[in-house]
Amino acid sequence: MAQFELAFDVRVASVAPPSDRRIDITIERLRLSFEDLSESERAALICKPWWGFVDTVLALRAMERGEEEALGRPARGVADAYDRLVEPGEHILEALIRVHHDLFTPSES
């Protein structure tokens, strides 16, 4: 059976490097809150019609972080929209949904 084991050390945590961007602090708070939920509470949350908005923002920020790490400088996009739109102390999910709407809702110009 040992010959089929994968060659990686599961003791190493796959944690993103720390960031001083406000959106990353919010995402970390969301992750911790999500982990504190029961399985049924998690299932109920991700079945909400607006969860797709939050999930999209999280995925875009993850890609943006990868770009920042590769280029060695901050990317322009989700984190900038968050800084422009969200005030400290706002509800995490409402803030991320507003960022999604700002990024994907056509402006009336």
N, C-alpha and C. Protein backbone atom coordinates (compact mmCIF):
# COMPACT_ATOMS: atom_id res chain seq x y z
N MET A 1 0.82 -1.18 0.00
CA MET A 1 0.00 0.00 0.00
C MET A 1 0.87 1.26 0.00
N ALA A 2 2.03 1.21 0.63
CA ALA A 2 2.89 2.38 0.75
C ALA A 2 3.35 2.89 -0.60
N GLN A 3 3.47 2.02 -1.60
CA GLN A 3 3.93 2.46 -2.91
C GLN A 3 2.95 3.40 -3.59
N PHE A 4 1.69 3.44 -3.14
CA PHE A 4 0.70 4.30 -3.75
C PHE A 4 0.50 5.62 -3.02
N GLU A 5 1.23 5.82 -1.93
CA GLU A 5 1.09 7.06 -1.18
C GLU A 5 1.67 8.22 -1.97
N LEU A 6 1.05 9.37 -1.85
CA LEU A 6 1.53 10.57 -2.52
C LEU A 6 2.77 11.09 -1.81
N ALA A 7 3.64 11.70 -2.57
CA ALA A 7 4.90 12.19 -2.02
C ALA A 7 4.80 13.65 -1.61
N PHE A 8 3.99 13.92 -0.62
CA PHE A 8 3.96 15.28 -0.07
C PHE A 8 3.75 15.21 1.42
N ASP A 9 4.19 16.23 2.08
CA ASP A 9 4.11 16.29 3.54
C ASP A 9 2.81 16.97 3.93
N VAL A 10 1.88 16.21 4.48
CA VAL A 10 0.58 16.77 4.85
C VAL A 10 0.67 17.67 6.07
N ARG A 11 1.79 17.68 6.76
CA ARG A 11 1.94 18.52 7.93
C ARG A 11 2.16 19.98 7.55
N VAL A 12 2.54 20.23 6.31
CA VAL A 12 2.77 21.60 5.87
C VAL A 12 1.43 22.23 5.52
N ALA A 13 1.11 23.32 6.19
CA ALA A 13 -0.16 24.00 5.93
C ALA A 13 -0.08 24.81 4.65
N SER A 14 -1.13 24.78 3.88
CA SER A 14 -1.18 25.58 2.66
C SER A 14 -1.90 26.89 2.98
N VAL A 15 -1.17 27.79 3.58
CA VAL A 15 -1.72 29.07 3.99
C VAL A 15 -1.10 30.16 3.14
N ALA A 16 -1.94 31.04 2.66
CA ALA A 16 -1.45 32.16 1.85
C ALA A 16 -0.59 33.07 2.72
N PRO A 17 0.41 33.69 2.12
CA PRO A 17 1.24 34.61 2.89
C PRO A 17 0.41 35.78 3.42
N PRO A 18 0.83 36.36 4.54
CA PRO A 18 0.05 37.46 5.10
C PRO A 18 -0.02 38.64 4.15
N SER A 19 -1.10 39.37 4.24
CA SER A 19 -1.30 40.53 3.39
C SER A 19 -1.85 41.66 4.25
N ASP A 20 -1.49 42.87 3.91
CA ASP A 20 -2.04 44.00 4.66
C ASP A 20 -3.23 44.62 3.95
N ARG A 21 -3.69 43.99 2.86
CA ARG A 21 -4.87 44.50 2.16
C ARG A 21 -6.10 44.21 2.99
N ARG A 22 -6.99 45.19 3.09
CA ARG A 22 -8.19 45.07 3.91
C ARG A 22 -9.06 43.90 3.48
N ILE A 23 -9.17 43.66 2.19
CA ILE A 23 -10.04 42.56 1.73
C ILE A 23 -9.51 41.22 2.22
N ASP A 24 -8.20 41.07 2.33
CA ASP A 24 -7.64 39.81 2.79
C ASP A 24 -7.93 39.58 4.27
N ILE A 25 -7.97 40.64 5.03
CA ILE A 25 -8.34 40.55 6.44
C ILE A 25 -9.81 40.13 6.55
N THR A 26 -10.66 40.71 5.72
CA THR A 26 -12.09 40.36 5.70
C THR A 26 -12.28 38.91 5.30
N ILE A 27 -11.57 38.48 4.27
CA ILE A 27 -11.69 37.09 3.81
C ILE A 27 -11.25 36.13 4.89
N GLU A 28 -10.21 36.46 5.62
CA GLU A 28 -9.76 35.61 6.73
C GLU A 28 -10.82 35.55 7.82
N ARG A 29 -11.44 36.68 8.14
CA ARG A 29 -12.52 36.68 9.13
C ARG A 29 -13.69 35.82 8.66
N LEU A 30 -14.02 35.89 7.38
CA LEU A 30 -15.09 35.07 6.82
C LEU A 30 -14.74 33.59 6.93
N ARG A 31 -13.49 33.25 6.60
CA ARG A 31 -13.05 31.85 6.66
C ARG A 31 -13.19 31.32 8.08
N LEU A 32 -12.74 32.09 9.06
CA LEU A 32 -12.83 31.65 10.45
C LEU A 32 -14.29 31.50 10.90
N SER A 33 -15.13 32.41 10.51
CA SER A 33 -16.56 32.32 10.86
C SER A 33 -17.20 31.11 10.21
N PHE A 34 -16.84 30.86 8.94
CA PHE A 34 -17.38 29.73 8.20
C PHE A 34 -16.97 28.42 8.86
N GLU A 35 -15.72 28.35 9.31
CA GLU A 35 -15.23 27.13 9.97
C GLU A 35 -15.95 26.87 11.28
N ASP A 36 -16.42 27.91 11.94
CA ASP A 36 -17.13 27.76 13.21
C ASP A 36 -18.56 27.25 13.05
N LEU A 37 -19.08 27.28 11.83
CA LEU A 37 -20.45 26.82 11.58
C LEU A 37 -20.53 25.30 11.58
N SER A 38 -21.69 24.79 11.88
CA SER A 38 -21.93 23.34 11.76
C SER A 38 -22.08 23.00 10.28
N GLU A 39 -22.03 21.73 9.98
CA GLU A 39 -22.19 21.28 8.59
C GLU A 39 -23.53 21.75 8.02
N SER A 40 -24.60 21.65 8.79
CA SER A 40 -25.91 22.05 8.29
C SER A 40 -25.97 23.56 8.07
N GLU A 41 -25.33 24.33 8.95
CA GLU A 41 -25.29 25.78 8.77
C GLU A 41 -24.48 26.16 7.53
N ARG A 42 -23.38 25.46 7.30
CA ARG A 42 -22.58 25.71 6.09
C ARG A 42 -23.38 25.41 4.84
N ALA A 43 -24.08 24.27 4.85
CA ALA A 43 -24.88 23.88 3.70
C ALA A 43 -25.98 24.91 3.42
N ALA A 44 -26.61 25.39 4.48
CA ALA A 44 -27.67 26.39 4.31
C ALA A 44 -27.09 27.69 3.75
N LEU A 45 -25.90 28.06 4.20
CA LEU A 45 -25.28 29.30 3.74
C LEU A 45 -24.91 29.22 2.26
N ILE A 46 -24.27 28.15 1.85
CA ILE A 46 -23.81 28.08 0.46
C ILE A 46 -24.96 27.85 -0.52
N CYS A 47 -26.14 27.52 0.00
CA CYS A 47 -27.32 27.37 -0.87
C CYS A 47 -28.06 28.69 -1.08
N LYS A 48 -27.65 29.72 -0.39
CA LYS A 48 -28.29 31.03 -0.57
C LYS A 48 -28.01 31.53 -1.98
N PRO A 49 -28.98 32.21 -2.60
CA PRO A 49 -28.80 32.65 -3.98
C PRO A 49 -27.65 33.66 -4.16
N TRP A 50 -27.30 34.39 -3.14
CA TRP A 50 -26.25 35.39 -3.24
C TRP A 50 -24.86 34.83 -2.95
N TRP A 51 -24.76 33.57 -2.50
CA TRP A 51 -23.45 33.01 -2.16
C TRP A 51 -22.53 32.97 -3.39
N GLY A 52 -23.10 32.84 -4.56
CA GLY A 52 -22.30 32.84 -5.78
C GLY A 52 -21.53 34.14 -5.96
N PHE A 53 -22.12 35.25 -5.55
CA PHE A 53 -21.43 36.54 -5.62
C PHE A 53 -20.20 36.54 -4.73
N VAL A 54 -20.38 36.06 -3.50
CA VAL A 54 -19.28 36.00 -2.54
C VAL A 54 -18.19 35.05 -3.05
N ASP A 55 -18.60 33.90 -3.53
CA ASP A 55 -17.66 32.91 -4.04
C ASP A 55 -16.85 33.47 -5.21
N THR A 56 -17.49 34.23 -6.08
CA THR A 56 -16.79 34.84 -7.22
C THR A 56 -15.74 35.83 -6.75
N VAL A 57 -16.08 36.67 -5.79
CA VAL A 57 -15.12 37.64 -5.27
C VAL A 57 -13.95 36.92 -4.61
N LEU A 58 -14.22 35.86 -3.86
CA LEU A 58 -13.14 35.10 -3.22
C LEU A 58 -12.21 34.49 -4.26
N ALA A 59 -12.78 33.93 -5.32
CA ALA A 59 -11.95 33.33 -6.37
C ALA A 59 -11.13 34.38 -7.10
N LEU A 60 -11.75 35.52 -7.41
CA LEU A 60 -11.02 36.59 -8.09
C LEU A 60 -9.88 37.11 -7.23
N ARG A 61 -10.12 37.26 -5.94
CA ARG A 61 -9.06 37.76 -5.06
C ARG A 61 -7.94 36.74 -4.95
N ALA A 62 -8.26 35.47 -4.94
CA ALA A 62 -7.22 34.44 -4.90
C ALA A 62 -6.34 34.52 -6.15
N MET A 63 -6.96 34.72 -7.31
CA MET A 63 -6.19 34.87 -8.55
C MET A 63 -5.35 36.15 -8.51
N GLU A 64 -5.94 37.21 -7.98
CA GLU A 64 -5.24 38.48 -7.86
C GLU A 64 -4.02 38.34 -6.94
N ARG A 65 -4.17 37.61 -5.84
CA ARG A 65 -3.05 37.37 -4.93
C ARG A 65 -1.94 36.61 -5.63
N GLY A 66 -2.30 35.64 -6.45
CA GLY A 66 -1.30 34.91 -7.22
C GLY A 66 -0.54 35.83 -8.15
N GLU A 67 -1.26 36.72 -8.79
CA GLU A 67 -0.63 37.70 -9.68
C GLU A 67 0.31 38.61 -8.90
N GLU A 68 -0.13 39.05 -7.72
CA GLU A 68 0.71 39.91 -6.89
C GLU A 68 2.00 39.21 -6.50
N GLU A 69 1.88 37.94 -6.13
CA GLU A 69 3.06 37.17 -5.74
C GLU A 69 4.01 36.98 -6.92
N ALA A 70 3.46 36.72 -8.09
CA ALA A 70 4.29 36.49 -9.27
C ALA A 70 4.98 37.76 -9.75
N LEU A 71 4.25 38.88 -9.69
CA LEU A 71 4.80 40.14 -10.19
C LEU A 71 5.58 40.91 -9.14
N GLY A 72 5.37 40.57 -7.88
CA GLY A 72 6.05 41.28 -6.81
C GLY A 72 5.47 42.65 -6.51
N ARG A 73 4.27 42.93 -7.00
CA ARG A 73 3.61 44.20 -6.73
C ARG A 73 2.10 43.96 -6.70
N PRO A 74 1.37 44.84 -6.08
CA PRO A 74 -0.09 44.65 -6.01
C PRO A 74 -0.76 44.70 -7.38
N ALA A 75 -1.70 43.81 -7.58
CA ALA A 75 -2.52 43.85 -8.80
C ALA A 75 -3.61 44.90 -8.60
N ARG A 76 -4.18 45.36 -9.68
CA ARG A 76 -5.29 46.31 -9.58
C ARG A 76 -6.58 45.54 -9.83
N GLY A 77 -7.56 45.73 -8.98
CA GLY A 77 -8.81 45.03 -9.20
C GLY A 77 -9.67 44.92 -7.97
N VAL A 78 -9.89 43.69 -7.51
CA VAL A 78 -10.83 43.40 -6.44
C VAL A 78 -10.45 44.15 -5.15
N ALA A 79 -9.20 44.08 -4.75
CA ALA A 79 -8.79 44.72 -3.50
C ALA A 79 -8.96 46.24 -3.58
N ASP A 80 -8.72 46.81 -4.74
CA ASP A 80 -8.91 48.25 -4.91
C ASP A 80 -10.39 48.62 -4.83
N ALA A 81 -11.25 47.81 -5.44
CA ALA A 81 -12.69 48.06 -5.37
C ALA A 81 -13.16 47.96 -3.92
N TYR A 82 -12.65 46.98 -3.21
CA TYR A 82 -13.01 46.82 -1.80
C TYR A 82 -12.61 48.06 -1.00
N ASP A 83 -11.39 48.52 -1.19
CA ASP A 83 -10.90 49.71 -0.46
C ASP A 83 -11.76 50.94 -0.76
N ARG A 84 -12.22 51.06 -1.99
CA ARG A 84 -13.02 52.21 -2.42
C ARG A 84 -14.44 52.16 -1.85
N LEU A 85 -15.01 50.97 -1.73
CA LEU A 85 -16.43 50.82 -1.40
C LEU A 85 -16.76 50.53 0.06
N VAL A 86 -15.87 49.85 0.74
CA VAL A 86 -16.21 49.29 2.04
C VAL A 86 -15.56 50.07 3.18
N GLU A 87 -16.38 50.41 4.16
CA GLU A 87 -15.91 51.09 5.37
C GLU A 87 -15.61 50.04 6.43
N PRO A 88 -14.60 50.28 7.27
CA PRO A 88 -14.32 49.34 8.37
C PRO A 88 -15.56 49.12 9.23
N GLY A 89 -15.76 47.87 9.64
CA GLY A 89 -16.89 47.53 10.49
C GLY A 89 -18.13 47.07 9.77
N GLU A 90 -18.13 47.12 8.45
CA GLU A 90 -19.31 46.68 7.70
C GLU A 90 -19.45 45.17 7.78
N HIS A 91 -20.67 44.69 7.54
CA HIS A 91 -20.94 43.26 7.53
C HIS A 91 -20.13 42.60 6.41
N ILE A 92 -19.44 41.53 6.73
CA ILE A 92 -18.53 40.87 5.79
C ILE A 92 -19.22 40.49 4.49
N LEU A 93 -20.32 39.76 4.58
CA LEU A 93 -20.98 39.26 3.38
C LEU A 93 -21.57 40.38 2.55
N GLU A 94 -22.19 41.35 3.21
CA GLU A 94 -22.75 42.49 2.47
C GLU A 94 -21.66 43.26 1.74
N ALA A 95 -20.51 43.41 2.38
CA ALA A 95 -19.39 44.12 1.75
C ALA A 95 -18.90 43.38 0.51
N LEU A 96 -18.74 42.07 0.60
CA LEU A 96 -18.26 41.30 -0.55
C LEU A 96 -19.28 41.28 -1.69
N ILE A 97 -20.56 41.26 -1.35
CA ILE A 97 -21.60 41.30 -2.38
C ILE A 97 -21.58 42.66 -3.09
N ARG A 98 -21.39 43.74 -2.34
CA ARG A 98 -21.30 45.08 -2.96
C ARG A 98 -20.10 45.17 -3.89
N VAL A 99 -18.98 44.56 -3.50
CA VAL A 99 -17.80 44.56 -4.37
C VAL A 99 -18.13 43.82 -5.67
N HIS A 100 -18.79 42.68 -5.56
CA HIS A 100 -19.18 41.92 -6.75
C HIS A 100 -20.04 42.77 -7.66
N HIS A 101 -21.05 43.42 -7.10
CA HIS A 101 -21.95 44.25 -7.91
C HIS A 101 -21.20 45.40 -8.57
N ASP A 102 -20.25 45.99 -7.86
CA ASP A 102 -19.47 47.06 -8.44
C ASP A 102 -18.63 46.57 -9.63
N LEU A 103 -18.09 45.38 -9.50
CA LEU A 103 -17.24 44.84 -10.56
C LEU A 103 -18.03 44.36 -11.78
N PHE A 104 -19.24 43.86 -11.55
CA PHE A 104 -19.97 43.18 -12.63
C PHE A 104 -21.27 43.83 -13.06
N THR A 105 -21.69 44.91 -12.44
CA THR A 105 -22.90 45.58 -12.85
C THR A 105 -22.53 46.74 -13.77
N PRO A 106 -23.07 46.75 -14.99
CA PRO A 106 -22.73 47.85 -15.92
C PRO A 106 -23.15 49.20 -15.35
N SER A 107 -22.29 50.17 -15.51
CA SER A 107 -22.63 51.51 -15.03
C SER A 107 -23.52 52.21 -16.04
N GLU A 108 -24.33 53.12 -15.54
CA GLU A 108 -25.24 53.88 -16.41
C GLU A 108 -24.56 55.18 -16.82
N SER A 109 -23.74 55.11 -17.84
CA SER A 109 -23.03 56.32 -18.31
C SER A 109 -23.57 56.80 -19.62
